[in-house]
Amino acid sequence: LQTLQQENPHFTCIGTMTSPNGSTETWKGETGRIDQVMLRKYVKETESALYFVVGPPAMVDGLRKMLESTGIPKTNIRSEEFVGY
């Protein structure tokens, strides 16, 4: 993802961890769940951006709802669910 970000000025990847204290590595990125405050911190034009949400079903559902409640058109939200961890 970092390589894609370096090669494409229109792509940004912001990592976040909900439990960085459980990691063996020092985490310097965002912490906590993605919410409207974090979204507005990084996305200037929230309604025109494309969003790709990938993860466990409950997380994907929660993020889709948060994005839609922020005014993001459903057509700008792509998602994929996976289970198993």
PDB file of N, CA and C in Angstrom:
ATOM      1  N   LEU A   1       0.822  -1.196   0.000  1.00  0.00           N
ATOM      2  CA  LEU A   1       0.000   0.000   0.000  1.00  0.00           C
ATOM      3  C   LEU A   1       0.863   1.256   0.000  1.00  0.00           C
ATOM      4  N   GLN A   2       1.994   1.187   0.693  1.00  0.00           N
ATOM      5  CA  GLN A   2       2.877   2.358   0.705  1.00  0.00           C
ATOM      6  C   GLN A   2       3.443   2.631  -0.688  1.00  0.00           C
ATOM      7  N   THR A   3       3.750   1.567  -1.427  1.00  0.00           N
ATOM      8  CA  THR A   3       4.252   1.739  -2.788  1.00  0.00           C
ATOM      9  C   THR A   3       3.189   2.364  -3.677  1.00  0.00           C
ATOM     10  N   LEU A   4       1.947   1.890  -3.560  1.00  0.00           N
ATOM     11  CA  LEU A   4       0.854   2.483  -4.332  1.00  0.00           C
ATOM     12  C   LEU A   4       0.700   3.962  -4.014  1.00  0.00           C
ATOM     13  N   GLN A   5       0.826   4.297  -2.764  1.00  0.00           N
ATOM     14  CA  GLN A   5       0.701   5.690  -2.347  1.00  0.00           C
ATOM     15  C   GLN A   5       1.812   6.543  -2.953  1.00  0.00           C
ATOM     16  N   GLN A   6       3.029   6.007  -2.991  1.00  0.00           N
ATOM     17  CA  GLN A   6       4.155   6.752  -3.552  1.00  0.00           C
ATOM     18  C   GLN A   6       4.014   6.933  -5.058  1.00  0.00           C
ATOM     19  N   GLU A   7       3.404   5.941  -5.719  1.00  0.00           N
ATOM     20  CA  GLU A   7       3.291   5.981  -7.171  1.00  0.00           C
ATOM     21  C   GLU A   7       2.057   6.728  -7.667  1.00  0.00           C
ATOM     22  N   ASN A   8       1.079   6.965  -6.800  1.00  0.00           N
ATOM     23  CA  ASN A   8      -0.167   7.589  -7.229  1.00  0.00           C
ATOM     24  C   ASN A   8      -0.539   8.733  -6.295  1.00  0.00           C
ATOM     25  N   PRO A   9      -0.447   9.965  -6.760  1.00  0.00           N
ATOM     26  CA  PRO A   9      -0.754  11.107  -5.893  1.00  0.00           C
ATOM     27  C   PRO A   9      -2.231  11.197  -5.493  1.00  0.00           C
ATOM     28  N   HIS A  10      -3.089  10.405  -6.139  1.00  0.00           N
ATOM     29  CA  HIS A  10      -4.521  10.428  -5.822  1.00  0.00           C
ATOM     30  C   HIS A  10      -4.913   9.325  -4.838  1.00  0.00           C
ATOM     31  N   PHE A  11      -3.932   8.568  -4.356  1.00  0.00           N
ATOM     32  CA  PHE A  11      -4.200   7.461  -3.424  1.00  0.00           C
ATOM     33  C   PHE A  11      -3.517   7.751  -2.099  1.00  0.00           C
ATOM     34  N   THR A  12      -4.272   7.642  -1.023  1.00  0.00           N
ATOM     35  CA  THR A  12      -3.717   7.834   0.313  1.00  0.00           C
ATOM     36  C   THR A  12      -4.166   6.683   1.195  1.00  0.00           C
ATOM     37  N   CYS A  13      -3.246   6.138   1.952  1.00  0.00           N
ATOM     38  CA  CYS A  13      -3.553   5.064   2.894  1.00  0.00           C
ATOM     39  C   CYS A  13      -3.152   5.532   4.290  1.00  0.00           C
ATOM     40  N   ILE A  14      -4.118   5.559   5.201  1.00  0.00           N
ATOM     41  CA  ILE A  14      -3.867   5.950   6.583  1.00  0.00           C
ATOM     42  C   ILE A  14      -4.134   4.725   7.451  1.00  0.00           C
ATOM     43  N   GLY A  15      -3.127   4.237   8.122  1.00  0.00           N
ATOM     44  CA  GLY A  15      -3.294   3.080   9.000  1.00  0.00           C
ATOM     45  C   GLY A  15      -3.735   3.500  10.394  1.00  0.00           C
ATOM     46  N   THR A  16      -4.555   2.680  11.021  1.00  0.00           N
ATOM     47  CA  THR A  16      -4.968   2.929  12.397  1.00  0.00           C
ATOM     48  C   THR A  16      -5.054   1.601  13.136  1.00  0.00           C
ATOM     49  N   MET A  17      -4.737   1.632  14.412  1.00  0.00           N
ATOM     50  CA  MET A  17      -4.823   0.435  15.255  1.00  0.00           C
ATOM     51  C   MET A  17      -5.720   0.739  16.443  1.00  0.00           C
ATOM     52  N   THR A  18      -6.586  -0.221  16.787  1.00  0.00           N
ATOM     53  CA  THR A  18      -7.447  -0.021  17.948  1.00  0.00           C
ATOM     54  C   THR A  18      -6.739  -0.412  19.238  1.00  0.00           C
ATOM     55  N   SER A  19      -5.745  -1.314  19.155  1.00  0.00           N
ATOM     56  CA  SER A  19      -5.034  -1.771  20.365  1.00  0.00           C
ATOM     57  C   SER A  19      -3.526  -1.796  20.127  1.00  0.00           C
ATOM     58  N   PRO A  20      -2.903  -0.634  19.969  1.00  0.00           N
ATOM     59  CA  PRO A  20      -1.464  -0.625  19.678  1.00  0.00           C
ATOM     60  C   PRO A  20      -0.608  -1.143  20.828  1.00  0.00           C
ATOM     61  N   ASN A  21      -1.116  -1.112  22.040  1.00  0.00           N
ATOM     62  CA  ASN A  21      -0.324  -1.591  23.173  1.00  0.00           C
ATOM     63  C   ASN A  21      -0.085  -3.090  23.119  1.00  0.00           C
ATOM     64  N   GLY A  22      -0.884  -3.815  22.350  1.00  0.00           N
ATOM     65  CA  GLY A  22      -0.709  -5.252  22.214  1.00  0.00           C
ATOM     66  C   GLY A  22       0.324  -5.629  21.171  1.00  0.00           C
ATOM     67  N   SER A  23       0.909  -4.657  20.507  1.00  0.00           N
ATOM     68  CA  SER A  23       1.878  -4.910  19.446  1.00  0.00           C
ATOM     69  C   SER A  23       3.295  -4.999  19.999  1.00  0.00           C
ATOM     70  N   THR A  24       4.117  -5.809  19.350  1.00  0.00           N
ATOM     71  CA  THR A  24       5.529  -5.887  19.736  1.00  0.00           C
ATOM     72  C   THR A  24       6.337  -4.756  19.100  1.00  0.00           C
ATOM     73  N   GLU A  25       5.763  -4.088  18.116  1.00  0.00           N
ATOM     74  CA  GLU A  25       6.414  -2.968  17.440  1.00  0.00           C
ATOM     75  C   GLU A  25       5.817  -1.653  17.938  1.00  0.00           C
ATOM     76  N   THR A  26       6.599  -0.600  17.887  1.00  0.00           N
ATOM     77  CA  THR A  26       6.103   0.723  18.259  1.00  0.00           C
ATOM     78  C   THR A  26       5.211   1.244  17.145  1.00  0.00           C
ATOM     79  N   TRP A  27       3.999   1.664  17.495  1.00  0.00           N
ATOM     80  CA  TRP A  27       3.052   2.181  16.508  1.00  0.00           C
ATOM     81  C   TRP A  27       3.062   3.700  16.543  1.00  0.00           C
ATOM     82  N   LYS A  28       3.257   4.315  15.384  1.00  0.00           N
ATOM     83  CA  LYS A  28       3.312   5.771  15.296  1.00  0.00           C
ATOM     84  C   LYS A  28       2.137   6.353  14.515  1.00  0.00           C
ATOM     85  N   GLY A  29       1.222   5.491  14.098  1.00  0.00           N
ATOM     86  CA  GLY A  29       0.085   5.958  13.309  1.00  0.00           C
ATOM     87  C   GLY A  29      -1.100   6.339  14.173  1.00  0.00           C
ATOM     88  N   GLU A  30      -2.249   6.444  13.527  1.00  0.00           N
ATOM     89  CA  GLU A  30      -3.491   6.766  14.222  1.00  0.00           C
ATOM     90  C   GLU A  30      -3.890   5.611  15.135  1.00  0.00           C
ATOM     91  N   THR A  31      -4.663   5.938  16.154  1.00  0.00           N
ATOM     92  CA  THR A  31      -5.210   4.913  17.034  1.00  0.00           C
ATOM     93  C   THR A  31      -6.715   5.111  17.147  1.00  0.00           C
ATOM     94  N   GLY A  32      -7.402   4.029  17.428  1.00  0.00           N
ATOM     95  CA  GLY A  32      -8.851   4.088  17.573  1.00  0.00           C
ATOM     96  C   GLY A  32      -9.563   3.719  16.291  1.00  0.00           C
ATOM     97  N   ARG A  33     -10.874   3.677  16.391  1.00  0.00           N
ATOM     98  CA  ARG A  33     -11.702   3.341  15.229  1.00  0.00           C
ATOM     99  C   ARG A  33     -11.871   4.569  14.333  1.00  0.00           C
ATOM    100  N   ILE A  34     -12.080   4.306  13.066  1.00  0.00           N
ATOM    101  CA  ILE A  34     -12.303   5.397  12.120  1.00  0.00           C
ATOM    102  C   ILE A  34     -13.681   5.995  12.381  1.00  0.00           C
ATOM    103  N   ASP A  35     -13.708   7.296  12.589  1.00  0.00           N
ATOM    104  CA  ASP A  35     -14.967   7.995  12.836  1.00  0.00           C
ATOM    105  C   ASP A  35     -15.000   9.266  11.985  1.00  0.00           C
ATOM    106  N   GLN A  36     -16.051  10.059  12.149  1.00  0.00           N
ATOM    107  CA  GLN A  36     -16.191  11.277  11.347  1.00  0.00           C
ATOM    108  C   GLN A  36     -15.056  12.268  11.597  1.00  0.00           C
ATOM    109  N   VAL A  37     -14.566  12.345  12.819  1.00  0.00           N
ATOM    110  CA  VAL A  37     -13.471  13.270  13.141  1.00  0.00           C
ATOM    111  C   VAL A  37     -12.205  12.865  12.387  1.00  0.00           C
ATOM    112  N   MET A  38     -11.861  11.565  12.438  1.00  0.00           N
ATOM    113  CA  MET A  38     -10.670  11.098  11.733  1.00  0.00           C
ATOM    114  C   MET A  38     -10.842  11.263  10.223  1.00  0.00           C
ATOM    115  N   LEU A  39     -12.033  10.984   9.728  1.00  0.00           N
ATOM    116  CA  LEU A  39     -12.309  11.127   8.302  1.00  0.00           C
ATOM    117  C   LEU A  39     -12.048  12.559   7.847  1.00  0.00           C
ATOM    118  N   ARG A  40     -12.587  13.515   8.560  1.00  0.00           N
ATOM    119  CA  ARG A  40     -12.426  14.928   8.173  1.00  0.00           C
ATOM    120  C   ARG A  40     -10.986  15.425   8.351  1.00  0.00           C
ATOM    121  N   LYS A  41     -10.238  14.762   9.216  1.00  0.00           N
ATOM    122  CA  LYS A  41      -8.832  15.132   9.422  1.00  0.00           C
ATOM    123  C   LYS A  41      -8.011  14.866   8.157  1.00  0.00           C
ATOM    124  N   TYR A  42      -8.346  13.803   7.430  1.00  0.00           N
ATOM    125  CA  TYR A  42      -7.536  13.386   6.291  1.00  0.00           C
ATOM    126  C   TYR A  42      -8.175  13.608   4.923  1.00  0.00           C
ATOM    127  N   VAL A  43      -9.492  13.746   4.867  1.00  0.00           N
ATOM    128  CA  VAL A  43     -10.174  13.864   3.577  1.00  0.00           C
ATOM    129  C   VAL A  43     -10.803  15.250   3.477  1.00  0.00           C
ATOM    130  N   LYS A  44     -10.290  16.043   2.545  1.00  0.00           N
ATOM    131  CA  LYS A  44     -10.776  17.416   2.405  1.00  0.00           C
ATOM    132  C   LYS A  44     -12.164  17.472   1.775  1.00  0.00           C
ATOM    133  N   GLU A  45     -12.373  16.722   0.730  1.00  0.00           N
ATOM    134  CA  GLU A  45     -13.660  16.713   0.032  1.00  0.00           C
ATOM    135  C   GLU A  45     -14.319  15.358   0.260  1.00  0.00           C
ATOM    136  N   THR A  46     -14.898  15.183   1.435  1.00  0.00           N
ATOM    137  CA  THR A  46     -15.409  13.872   1.845  1.00  0.00           C
ATOM    138  C   THR A  46     -16.479  13.320   0.916  1.00  0.00           C
ATOM    139  N   GLU A  47     -17.337  14.159   0.378  1.00  0.00           N
ATOM    140  CA  GLU A  47     -18.454  13.662  -0.424  1.00  0.00           C
ATOM    141  C   GLU A  47     -18.056  13.233  -1.830  1.00  0.00           C
ATOM    142  N   SER A  48     -16.927  13.714  -2.340  1.00  0.00           N
ATOM    143  CA  SER A  48     -16.527  13.338  -3.697  1.00  0.00           C
ATOM    144  C   SER A  48     -15.470  12.231  -3.721  1.00  0.00           C
ATOM    145  N   ALA A  49     -14.919  11.870  -2.574  1.00  0.00           N
ATOM    146  CA  ALA A  49     -13.892  10.825  -2.516  1.00  0.00           C
ATOM    147  C   ALA A  49     -14.513   9.443  -2.699  1.00  0.00           C
ATOM    148  N   LEU A  50     -13.687   8.490  -3.140  1.00  0.00           N
ATOM    149  CA  LEU A  50     -14.091   7.087  -3.197  1.00  0.00           C
ATOM    150  C   LEU A  50     -13.547   6.391  -1.962  1.00  0.00           C
ATOM    151  N   TYR A  51     -14.346   5.509  -1.384  1.00  0.00           N
ATOM    152  CA  TYR A  51     -13.975   4.812  -0.153  1.00  0.00           C
ATOM    153  C   TYR A  51     -13.974   3.313  -0.400  1.00  0.00           C
ATOM    154  N   PHE A  52     -12.895   2.650   0.009  1.00  0.00           N
ATOM    155  CA  PHE A  52     -12.771   1.205  -0.097  1.00  0.00           C
ATOM    156  C   PHE A  52     -12.671   0.660   1.316  1.00  0.00           C
ATOM    157  N   VAL A  53     -13.702  -0.063   1.750  1.00  0.00           N
ATOM    158  CA  VAL A  53     -13.775  -0.587   3.113  1.00  0.00           C
ATOM    159  C   VAL A  53     -13.662  -2.103   3.031  1.00  0.00           C
ATOM    160  N   VAL A  54     -12.623  -2.660   3.649  1.00  0.00           N
ATOM    161  CA  VAL A  54     -12.390  -4.098   3.614  1.00  0.00           C
ATOM    162  C   VAL A  54     -12.107  -4.580   5.020  1.00  0.00           C
ATOM    163  N   GLY A  55     -12.764  -5.674   5.420  1.00  0.00           N
ATOM    164  CA  GLY A  55     -12.524  -6.224   6.747  1.00  0.00           C
ATOM    165  C   GLY A  55     -13.643  -7.140   7.188  1.00  0.00           C
ATOM    166  N   PRO A  56     -13.678  -7.442   8.478  1.00  0.00           N
ATOM    167  CA  PRO A  56     -14.732  -8.292   9.022  1.00  0.00           C
ATOM    168  C   PRO A  56     -16.108  -7.646   8.813  1.00  0.00           C
ATOM    169  N   PRO A  57     -17.158  -8.458   8.659  1.00  0.00           N
ATOM    170  CA  PRO A  57     -18.492  -7.929   8.368  1.00  0.00           C
ATOM    171  C   PRO A  57     -18.965  -6.826   9.312  1.00  0.00           C
ATOM    172  N   ALA A  58     -18.767  -6.974  10.606  1.00  0.00           N
ATOM    173  CA  ALA A  58     -19.241  -5.955  11.555  1.00  0.00           C
ATOM    174  C   ALA A  58     -18.518  -4.623  11.346  1.00  0.00           C
ATOM    175  N   MET A  59     -17.218  -4.679  11.063  1.00  0.00           N
ATOM    176  CA  MET A  59     -16.459  -3.457  10.828  1.00  0.00           C
ATOM    177  C   MET A  59     -16.915  -2.780   9.535  1.00  0.00           C
ATOM    178  N   VAL A  60     -17.063  -3.574   8.485  1.00  0.00           N
ATOM    179  CA  VAL A  60     -17.494  -3.033   7.195  1.00  0.00           C
ATOM    180  C   VAL A  60     -18.867  -2.385   7.332  1.00  0.00           C
ATOM    181  N   ASP A  61     -19.786  -3.062   8.007  1.00  0.00           N
ATOM    182  CA  ASP A  61     -21.129  -2.520   8.203  1.00  0.00           C
ATOM    183  C   ASP A  61     -21.083  -1.204   8.986  1.00  0.00           C
ATOM    184  N   GLY A  62     -20.305  -1.171  10.058  1.00  0.00           N
ATOM    185  CA  GLY A  62     -20.187   0.040  10.870  1.00  0.00           C
ATOM    186  C   GLY A  62     -19.603   1.209  10.098  1.00  0.00           C
ATOM    187  N   LEU A  63     -18.568   0.940   9.311  1.00  0.00           N
ATOM    188  CA  LEU A  63     -17.952   2.015   8.519  1.00  0.00           C
ATOM    189  C   LEU A  63     -18.883   2.499   7.410  1.00  0.00           C
ATOM    190  N   ARG A  64     -19.587   1.579   6.776  1.00  0.00           N
ATOM    191  CA  ARG A  64     -20.548   1.991   5.739  1.00  0.00           C
ATOM    192  C   ARG A  64     -21.601   2.919   6.340  1.00  0.00           C
ATOM    193  N   LYS A  65     -22.130   2.551   7.495  1.00  0.00           N
ATOM    194  CA  LYS A  65     -23.147   3.376   8.152  1.00  0.00           C
ATOM    195  C   LYS A  65     -22.591   4.744   8.533  1.00  0.00           C
ATOM    196  N   MET A  66     -21.363   4.762   9.064  1.00  0.00           N
ATOM    197  CA  MET A  66     -20.745   6.035   9.438  1.00  0.00           C
ATOM    198  C   MET A  66     -20.554   6.918   8.204  1.00  0.00           C
ATOM    199  N   LEU A  67     -20.055   6.339   7.114  1.00  0.00           N
ATOM    200  CA  LEU A  67     -19.842   7.115   5.893  1.00  0.00           C
ATOM    201  C   LEU A  67     -21.161   7.654   5.348  1.00  0.00           C
ATOM    202  N   GLU A  68     -22.180   6.810   5.311  1.00  0.00           N
ATOM    203  CA  GLU A  68     -23.480   7.248   4.805  1.00  0.00           C
ATOM    204  C   GLU A  68     -24.079   8.349   5.681  1.00  0.00           C
ATOM    205  N   SER A  69     -23.911   8.241   7.002  1.00  0.00           N
ATOM    206  CA  SER A  69     -24.456   9.274   7.900  1.00  0.00           C
ATOM    207  C   SER A  69     -23.698  10.593   7.778  1.00  0.00           C
ATOM    208  N   THR A  70     -22.490  10.534   7.222  1.00  0.00           N
ATOM    209  CA  THR A  70     -21.686  11.733   6.997  1.00  0.00           C
ATOM    210  C   THR A  70     -22.101  12.433   5.700  1.00  0.00           C
ATOM    211  N   GLY A  71     -22.915  11.765   4.906  1.00  0.00           N
ATOM    212  CA  GLY A  71     -23.353  12.347   3.643  1.00  0.00           C
ATOM    213  C   GLY A  71     -22.648  11.794   2.427  1.00  0.00           C
ATOM    214  N   ILE A  72     -21.872  10.733   2.617  1.00  0.00           N
ATOM    215  CA  ILE A  72     -21.171  10.120   1.489  1.00  0.00           C
ATOM    216  C   ILE A  72     -22.193   9.352   0.650  1.00  0.00           C
ATOM    217  N   PRO A  73     -22.245   9.594  -0.659  1.00  0.00           N
ATOM    218  CA  PRO A  73     -23.166   8.835  -1.501  1.00  0.00           C
ATOM    219  C   PRO A  73     -22.801   7.343  -1.498  1.00  0.00           C
ATOM    220  N   LYS A  74     -23.812   6.486  -1.482  1.00  0.00           N
ATOM    221  CA  LYS A  74     -23.573   5.035  -1.493  1.00  0.00           C
ATOM    222  C   LYS A  74     -22.743   4.614  -2.699  1.00  0.00           C
ATOM    223  N   THR A  75     -22.880   5.329  -3.791  1.00  0.00           N
ATOM    224  CA  THR A  75     -22.131   4.991  -5.007  1.00  0.00           C
ATOM    225  C   THR A  75     -20.635   5.243  -4.859  1.00  0.00           C
ATOM    226  N   ASN A  76     -20.220   5.974  -3.835  1.00  0.00           N
ATOM    227  CA  ASN A  76     -18.797   6.259  -3.597  1.00  0.00           C
ATOM    228  C   ASN A  76     -18.174   5.311  -2.580  1.00  0.00           C
ATOM    229  N   ILE A  77     -18.943   4.321  -2.129  1.00  0.00           N
ATOM    230  CA  ILE A  77     -18.445   3.388  -1.115  1.00  0.00           C
ATOM    231  C   ILE A  77     -18.356   1.998  -1.722  1.00  0.00           C
ATOM    232  N   ARG A  78     -17.170   1.428  -1.726  1.00  0.00           N
ATOM    233  CA  ARG A  78     -16.944   0.048  -2.173  1.00  0.00           C
ATOM    234  C   ARG A  78     -16.559  -0.753  -0.940  1.00  0.00           C
ATOM    235  N   SER A  79     -16.992  -2.002  -0.884  1.00  0.00           N
ATOM    236  CA  SER A  79     -16.650  -2.789   0.300  1.00  0.00           C
ATOM    237  C   SER A  79     -16.495  -4.258  -0.037  1.00  0.00           C
ATOM    238  N   GLU A  80     -15.742  -4.922   0.820  1.00  0.00           N
ATOM    239  CA  GLU A  80     -15.559  -6.369   0.740  1.00  0.00           C
ATOM    240  C   GLU A  80     -15.418  -6.880   2.165  1.00  0.00           C
ATOM    241  N   GLU A  81     -16.155  -7.926   2.459  1.00  0.00           N
ATOM    242  CA  GLU A  81     -16.116  -8.506   3.804  1.00  0.00           C
ATOM    243  C   GLU A  81     -15.304  -9.795   3.785  1.00  0.00           C
ATOM    244  N   PHE A  82     -14.571 -10.029   4.862  1.00  0.00           N
ATOM    245  CA  PHE A  82     -13.912 -11.322   5.029  1.00  0.00           C
ATOM    246  C   PHE A  82     -13.995 -11.723   6.490  1.00  0.00           C
ATOM    247  N   VAL A  83     -13.992 -12.993   6.725  1.00  0.00           N
ATOM    248  CA  VAL A  83     -14.073 -13.530   8.085  1.00  0.00           C
ATOM    249  C   VAL A  83     -12.878 -14.441   8.317  1.00  0.00           C
ATOM    250  N   GLY A  84     -12.697 -14.829   9.560  1.00  0.00           N
ATOM    251  CA  GLY A  84     -11.699 -15.853   9.798  1.00  0.00           C
ATOM    252  C   GLY A  84     -10.520 -15.483  10.661  1.00  0.00           C
ATOM    253  N   TYR A  85     -10.589 -14.401  11.377  1.00  0.00           N
ATOM    254  CA  TYR A  85      -9.500 -14.140  12.312  1.00  0.00           C
ATOM    255  C   TYR A  85     -10.027 -13.631  13.605  1.00  0.00           C
TER     256      TYR A  85
END
